[in-house]
Amino acid sequence: MSNQKAHLYQVSASALSSGLMTPDDAALLQQRLLDLLGNTAARYRFFESSSITTELAQELLSSIIYTIGLYLKKCGMPEAVRQLKSMTLSDLHRLGIKEIEEQILMGKRLLDQVKLSAPEITNRSYRDTLRELGAFFLRYDHLYFSHETPSAIEYPLCNPISELNGIEFICEYLRRLVFENEFLRRFDAERVKSLLYKYCADYSTLLINLCEPVAVNALGLALINGNIAALTIKPKDRAQIEDILRNRTESETVLVFEKVADAVCDITGISAYTEQAYLQSIAASAVPRLKAALKAGNLENVLITF
């Protein structure tokens, strides 16, 4: 289902291993979940005038577990164990709904930031994804299907999100997209477009990330103390980069590029820790492609000249 389901049971497992819960308590937790499911299903049936199939019951239970897990995750493990032991699941579920409603408000603010910071670059999947992100807040049923993500979010991030869904996925996706937007806006828009065209002539219609080629070129230039604002990597620059990377292992290259990411942050004025960490993760994820291109002798396909 997601890491929220895992988190609920991680809390239970932690309580068992620490002696705060007994096996009987764990069995009772399952029964408490089923009782809450029964109450939730009754409310759903009343408001929706719909019969409850086995499949629908499973979805309602998944939503309950997601909602409680999201709240417990916010609490942190020691406090989560205490609350799971001392509070009713109905109360924990209500607190989870409140947490989701707060995240919905946060998500809407983040979406506004994404729209304001969107780069002046045409890309079909980016445009369609912005529309779907707006539609998410109209379609999302946080009371009964909080674990679902009822939108087609197809635009790929530099670093894909794993093990998140529902409103937590949307908020994290938007946070990352805000950073990628703002990173692109630190460079001249025409130079960015020229780089993207050289990287992929059909960049406006294909399903590609717009930020990654720009970030990789900036990192490459920073590695040789080049002018990252220029963005283009000339053949002599690429040869210098090859000399630096040729005899390094992949793990050594990751360390080098993470340090280079810090330099790019300094040059471009990126000061927030989370943003610095995100650029470091972009740098680390680019290393396998760089090493593969270096080995194949086609580094010009990764470090672009335009």
Protein backbone atom coordinates (compact mmCIF):
# COMPACT_ATOMS: atom_id res chain seq x y z
CA MET A 1 0.00 0.00 0.00
CA SER A 2 2.71 2.51 0.95
CA ASN A 3 5.11 3.31 3.68
CA GLN A 4 2.15 4.60 5.75
CA LYS A 5 0.84 1.04 6.14
CA ALA A 6 4.37 -0.06 6.90
CA HIS A 7 4.71 2.76 9.41
CA LEU A 8 1.62 1.77 11.34
CA TYR A 9 2.91 -1.77 11.67
CA GLN A 10 6.45 -0.54 12.37
CA VAL A 11 5.05 1.26 15.39
CA SER A 12 3.28 -1.92 16.47
CA ALA A 13 6.43 -4.00 15.96
CA SER A 14 8.51 -1.48 17.90
CA ALA A 15 6.01 -1.55 20.75
CA LEU A 16 6.11 -5.35 20.77
CA SER A 17 9.91 -5.51 20.82
CA SER A 18 10.16 -2.93 23.58
CA GLY A 19 7.56 -4.66 25.73
CA LEU A 20 5.06 -1.82 25.45
CA MET A 21 2.65 -4.14 23.65
CA THR A 22 2.00 -7.83 24.07
CA PRO A 23 1.01 -10.27 21.29
CA ASP A 24 -2.51 -10.02 22.65
CA ASP A 25 -2.35 -6.23 22.25
CA ALA A 26 -1.21 -6.68 18.64
CA ALA A 27 -4.11 -9.02 17.95
CA LEU A 28 -6.44 -6.50 19.58
CA LEU A 29 -5.07 -3.82 17.27
CA GLN A 30 -6.23 -5.85 14.28
CA GLN A 31 -9.68 -6.13 15.81
CA ARG A 32 -9.75 -2.40 16.54
CA LEU A 33 -8.93 -1.74 12.89
CA LEU A 34 -11.80 -3.97 11.79
CA ASP A 35 -14.17 -2.21 14.18
CA LEU A 36 -13.14 1.16 12.79
CA LEU A 37 -13.58 -0.21 9.28
CA GLY A 38 -17.12 -1.23 10.16
CA ASN A 39 -17.97 2.27 11.38
CA THR A 40 -16.33 3.87 8.36
CA ALA A 41 -18.12 1.56 5.94
CA ALA A 42 -21.44 2.38 7.59
CA ARG A 43 -20.84 6.11 7.13
CA TYR A 44 -19.73 5.62 3.55
CA ARG A 45 -22.80 3.53 2.76
CA PHE A 46 -25.06 6.16 4.35
CA PHE A 47 -23.62 9.11 2.40
CA GLU A 48 -22.95 7.34 -0.89
CA SER A 49 -25.98 5.00 -0.91
CA SER A 50 -23.63 2.30 -2.12
CA SER A 51 -23.19 -1.34 -1.18
CA ILE A 52 -19.83 -2.36 0.31
CA THR A 53 -18.06 -4.96 -1.78
CA THR A 54 -15.00 -6.83 -0.57
CA GLU A 55 -12.84 -4.72 -2.85
CA LEU A 56 -14.36 -1.49 -1.57
CA ALA A 57 -13.93 -2.61 2.05
CA GLN A 58 -10.24 -3.24 1.36
CA GLU A 59 -9.86 0.25 -0.08
CA LEU A 60 -11.59 1.79 2.94
CA LEU A 61 -9.27 -0.15 5.25
CA SER A 62 -6.25 0.97 3.24
CA SER A 63 -7.41 4.56 3.64
CA ILE A 64 -7.80 4.14 7.42
CA ILE A 65 -4.32 2.65 7.75
CA TYR A 66 -2.82 5.38 5.53
CA THR A 67 -4.48 8.14 7.54
CA ILE A 68 -3.45 6.80 10.94
CA GLY A 69 0.05 6.01 9.66
CA LEU A 70 0.51 9.53 8.32
CA TYR A 71 -0.30 10.97 11.74
CA LEU A 72 1.92 8.50 13.59
CA LYS A 73 4.78 9.25 11.22
CA LYS A 74 4.53 12.91 12.17
CA CYS A 75 4.71 12.01 15.87
CA GLY A 76 8.00 10.13 15.68
CA MET A 77 8.48 6.58 16.87
CA PRO A 78 8.57 6.90 20.71
CA GLU A 79 5.55 9.18 20.85
CA ALA A 80 3.76 7.15 18.16
CA VAL A 81 4.07 4.00 20.27
CA ARG A 82 2.65 5.82 23.29
CA GLN A 83 -0.29 7.22 21.35
CA LEU A 84 -1.08 3.94 19.62
CA LYS A 85 -1.14 2.28 23.04
CA SER A 86 -3.15 4.94 24.87
CA MET A 87 -5.55 6.42 22.28
CA THR A 88 -8.50 4.96 20.43
CA LEU A 89 -8.06 4.33 16.73
CA SER A 90 -11.03 6.60 16.09
CA ASP A 91 -9.18 9.48 17.76
CA LEU A 92 -5.97 8.67 15.89
CA HIS A 93 -7.95 8.56 12.65
CA ARG A 94 -9.46 11.97 13.35
CA LEU A 95 -5.98 13.36 14.03
CA GLY A 96 -4.80 11.78 10.79
CA ILE A 97 -7.62 13.46 8.87
CA LYS A 98 -6.60 16.79 10.42
CA GLU A 99 -2.98 16.19 9.35
CA ILE A 100 -4.11 15.39 5.81
CA GLU A 101 -6.22 18.56 5.68
CA GLU A 102 -3.17 20.58 6.73
CA GLN A 103 -1.14 18.89 4.01
CA ILE A 104 -3.85 19.65 1.46
CA LEU A 105 -3.52 23.34 2.29
CA MET A 106 0.27 23.05 2.04
CA GLY A 107 -0.07 21.28 -1.31
CA LYS A 108 -2.22 24.07 -2.71
CA ARG A 109 0.37 26.64 -1.62
CA LEU A 110 3.13 24.57 -3.22
CA LEU A 111 1.13 24.31 -6.45
CA ASP A 112 0.86 28.11 -6.50
CA GLN A 113 4.66 28.27 -6.11
CA VAL A 114 5.12 25.81 -8.97
CA LYS A 115 2.93 27.90 -11.26
CA LEU A 116 4.73 31.12 -10.32
CA SER A 117 8.19 29.59 -10.80
CA ALA A 118 7.42 27.55 -13.95
CA PRO A 119 10.21 27.97 -16.52
CA GLU A 120 9.52 29.72 -19.82
CA ILE A 121 9.96 26.45 -21.67
CA THR A 122 7.33 24.53 -23.59
CA ASN A 123 6.92 20.86 -22.68
CA ARG A 124 3.69 18.94 -23.17
CA SER A 125 4.02 16.56 -20.23
CA TYR A 126 4.94 19.43 -17.89
CA ARG A 127 1.86 21.39 -18.99
CA ASP A 128 -0.43 18.36 -18.69
CA THR A 129 0.98 17.51 -15.26
CA LEU A 130 0.29 21.02 -13.95
CA ARG A 131 -3.33 20.57 -15.04
CA GLU A 132 -3.51 17.17 -13.33
CA LEU A 133 -1.99 18.54 -10.14
CA GLY A 134 -4.75 21.13 -9.98
CA ALA A 135 -7.36 18.45 -10.63
CA PHE A 136 -5.97 16.32 -7.79
CA PHE A 137 -7.32 18.74 -5.19
CA LEU A 138 -10.79 18.50 -6.74
CA ARG A 139 -10.80 14.70 -6.96
CA TYR A 140 -9.01 13.73 -3.74
CA ASP A 141 -11.33 12.06 -1.22
CA HIS A 142 -9.30 12.30 1.98
CA LEU A 143 -12.08 10.89 4.16
CA TYR A 144 -12.50 7.52 2.46
CA PHE A 145 -9.69 7.11 -0.09
CA SER A 146 -6.82 9.07 1.40
CA HIS A 147 -4.23 6.57 0.13
CA GLU A 148 -5.10 7.19 -3.51
CA THR A 149 -3.51 9.68 -5.92
CA PRO A 150 -6.36 10.38 -8.36
CA SER A 151 -4.35 12.20 -11.03
CA ALA A 152 -2.04 11.21 -13.88
CA ILE A 153 1.26 12.78 -12.80
CA GLU A 154 3.46 11.90 -15.76
CA TYR A 155 6.18 14.59 -15.86
CA PRO A 156 9.35 12.93 -14.54
CA LEU A 157 11.37 14.52 -11.76
CA CYS A 158 15.16 14.46 -11.69
CA ASN A 159 14.80 12.14 -8.70
CA PRO A 160 11.63 10.04 -8.77
CA ILE A 161 9.63 9.56 -5.59
CA SER A 162 9.22 6.05 -4.25
CA GLU A 163 7.05 4.61 -1.47
CA LEU A 164 4.76 7.63 -1.14
CA ASN A 165 1.19 8.10 -2.26
CA GLY A 166 -1.88 10.21 -1.56
CA ILE A 167 -1.37 13.77 -0.38
CA GLU A 168 2.13 12.99 0.89
CA PHE A 169 3.24 12.06 -2.63
CA ILE A 170 1.67 15.22 -4.07
CA CYS A 171 3.34 17.52 -1.55
CA GLU A 172 6.75 15.92 -2.01
CA TYR A 173 6.37 15.99 -5.81
CA LEU A 174 5.51 19.69 -5.67
CA ARG A 175 8.42 20.48 -3.33
CA ARG A 176 10.85 18.87 -5.74
CA LEU A 177 9.26 20.54 -8.74
CA VAL A 178 9.52 23.96 -7.08
CA PHE A 179 13.26 23.40 -6.62
CA GLU A 180 13.73 22.22 -10.21
CA ASN A 181 11.78 25.23 -11.51
CA GLU A 182 13.79 27.67 -9.45
CA PHE A 183 17.06 25.99 -10.41
CA LEU A 184 16.24 26.42 -14.11
CA ARG A 185 15.33 30.06 -13.57
CA ARG A 186 18.85 30.74 -12.28
CA PHE A 187 20.08 30.39 -15.86
CA ASP A 188 19.39 32.38 -19.00
CA ALA A 189 16.21 30.97 -20.55
CA GLU A 190 17.54 31.07 -24.12
CA ARG A 191 20.70 29.20 -23.15
CA VAL A 192 18.58 26.60 -21.37
CA LYS A 193 16.44 26.15 -24.48
CA SER A 194 19.53 25.84 -26.66
CA LEU A 195 20.96 23.18 -24.37
CA LEU A 196 17.68 21.26 -24.31
CA TYR A 197 17.36 21.42 -28.10
CA LYS A 198 20.85 19.97 -28.50
CA TYR A 199 20.09 17.33 -25.87
CA CYS A 200 16.77 16.38 -27.47
CA ALA A 201 15.39 18.31 -30.44
CA ASP A 202 11.84 17.21 -29.58
CA TYR A 203 12.09 18.22 -25.92
CA SER A 204 8.82 20.16 -26.14
CA THR A 205 6.77 17.06 -26.95
CA LEU A 206 8.67 14.19 -25.34
CA LEU A 207 8.45 12.87 -21.79
CA ILE A 208 11.76 14.18 -20.46
CA ASN A 209 12.87 16.10 -17.40
CA LEU A 210 13.89 19.66 -18.27
CA CYS A 211 16.16 20.25 -15.28
CA GLU A 212 18.51 17.27 -15.45
CA PRO A 213 20.53 18.20 -18.59
CA VAL A 214 20.99 21.71 -17.24
CA ALA A 215 22.07 20.46 -13.82
CA VAL A 216 24.51 17.92 -15.28
CA ASN A 217 26.17 20.52 -17.53
CA ALA A 218 26.40 22.96 -14.62
CA LEU A 219 27.98 20.27 -12.45
CA GLY A 220 30.46 19.38 -15.18
CA LEU A 221 31.50 23.00 -15.60
CA ALA A 222 31.85 23.48 -11.85
CA LEU A 223 34.10 20.41 -11.72
CA ILE A 224 36.67 22.22 -13.91
CA ASN A 225 36.01 25.67 -12.42
CA GLY A 226 34.29 26.72 -15.63
CA ASN A 227 31.59 29.33 -16.17
CA ILE A 228 28.40 27.53 -15.23
CA ALA A 229 26.26 30.44 -16.46
CA ALA A 230 27.40 29.64 -20.01
CA LEU A 231 26.04 26.08 -19.61
CA THR A 232 27.74 24.79 -22.76
CA ILE A 233 30.57 22.30 -22.37
CA LYS A 234 33.15 22.67 -25.11
CA PRO A 235 35.21 19.71 -26.36
CA LYS A 236 38.27 20.87 -24.41
CA ASP A 237 36.13 21.12 -21.25
CA ARG A 238 34.86 17.59 -21.82
CA ALA A 239 38.41 16.29 -22.28
CA GLN A 240 39.40 17.88 -18.97
CA ILE A 241 36.41 16.29 -17.25
CA GLU A 242 37.33 12.92 -18.74
CA ASP A 243 40.83 13.23 -17.30
CA ILE A 244 39.43 13.91 -13.84
CA LEU A 245 36.94 11.03 -13.90
CA ARG A 246 38.70 8.36 -15.92
CA ASN A 247 40.50 6.52 -13.10
CA ARG A 248 37.93 7.05 -10.37
CA THR A 249 35.50 4.37 -9.23
CA GLU A 250 31.79 5.10 -9.33
CA SER A 251 31.64 5.63 -5.55
CA GLU A 252 34.61 8.00 -5.73
CA THR A 253 32.93 9.89 -8.56
CA VAL A 254 29.73 10.23 -6.52
CA LEU A 255 31.71 11.88 -3.70
CA VAL A 256 33.38 14.22 -6.17
CA PHE A 257 30.06 15.27 -7.71
CA GLU A 258 28.39 15.76 -4.35
CA LYS A 259 31.16 18.24 -3.48
CA VAL A 260 30.78 19.85 -6.89
CA ALA A 261 27.05 20.21 -6.17
CA ASP A 262 27.98 22.25 -3.09
CA ALA A 263 30.04 24.52 -5.32
CA VAL A 264 27.11 24.98 -7.72
CA CYS A 265 24.91 25.88 -4.75
CA ASP A 266 27.42 28.53 -3.65
CA ILE A 267 27.66 30.00 -7.14
CA THR A 268 23.90 30.08 -7.76
CA GLY A 269 22.93 31.18 -4.25
CA ILE A 270 21.17 27.99 -3.18
CA SER A 271 21.36 28.12 0.61
CA ALA A 272 18.52 25.98 2.00
CA TYR A 273 19.75 22.63 3.28
CA THR A 274 16.95 20.64 1.65
CA GLU A 275 17.67 22.27 -1.72
CA GLN A 276 21.40 21.61 -1.39
CA ALA A 277 20.65 17.97 -0.54
CA TYR A 278 18.38 17.69 -3.58
CA LEU A 279 21.06 18.95 -5.94
CA GLN A 280 23.51 16.52 -4.34
CA SER A 281 21.06 13.70 -5.06
CA ILE A 282 20.77 14.86 -8.69
CA ALA A 283 24.56 14.83 -8.91
CA ALA A 284 24.79 11.32 -7.44
CA SER A 285 22.09 9.97 -9.75
CA ALA A 286 23.91 11.36 -12.81
CA VAL A 287 27.12 9.48 -12.06
CA PRO A 288 26.12 6.05 -13.49
CA ARG A 289 25.22 7.68 -16.82
CA LEU A 290 28.45 9.65 -16.83
CA LYS A 291 30.55 6.57 -16.10
CA ALA A 292 28.71 4.52 -18.74
CA ALA A 293 29.20 7.28 -21.34
CA LEU A 294 32.85 7.61 -20.39
CA LYS A 295 33.36 3.89 -20.85
CA ALA A 296 31.52 3.92 -24.20
CA GLY A 297 33.42 6.94 -25.42
CA ASN A 298 30.34 9.10 -25.98
CA LEU A 299 30.45 11.54 -23.09
CA GLU A 300 29.23 14.23 -25.50
CA ASN A 301 25.75 12.66 -25.19
CA VAL A 302 25.67 13.54 -21.49
CA LEU A 303 27.81 16.68 -21.25
CA ILE A 304 26.30 18.78 -24.01
CA THR A 305 27.91 21.27 -26.38
CA PHE A 306 25.62 23.81 -28.02
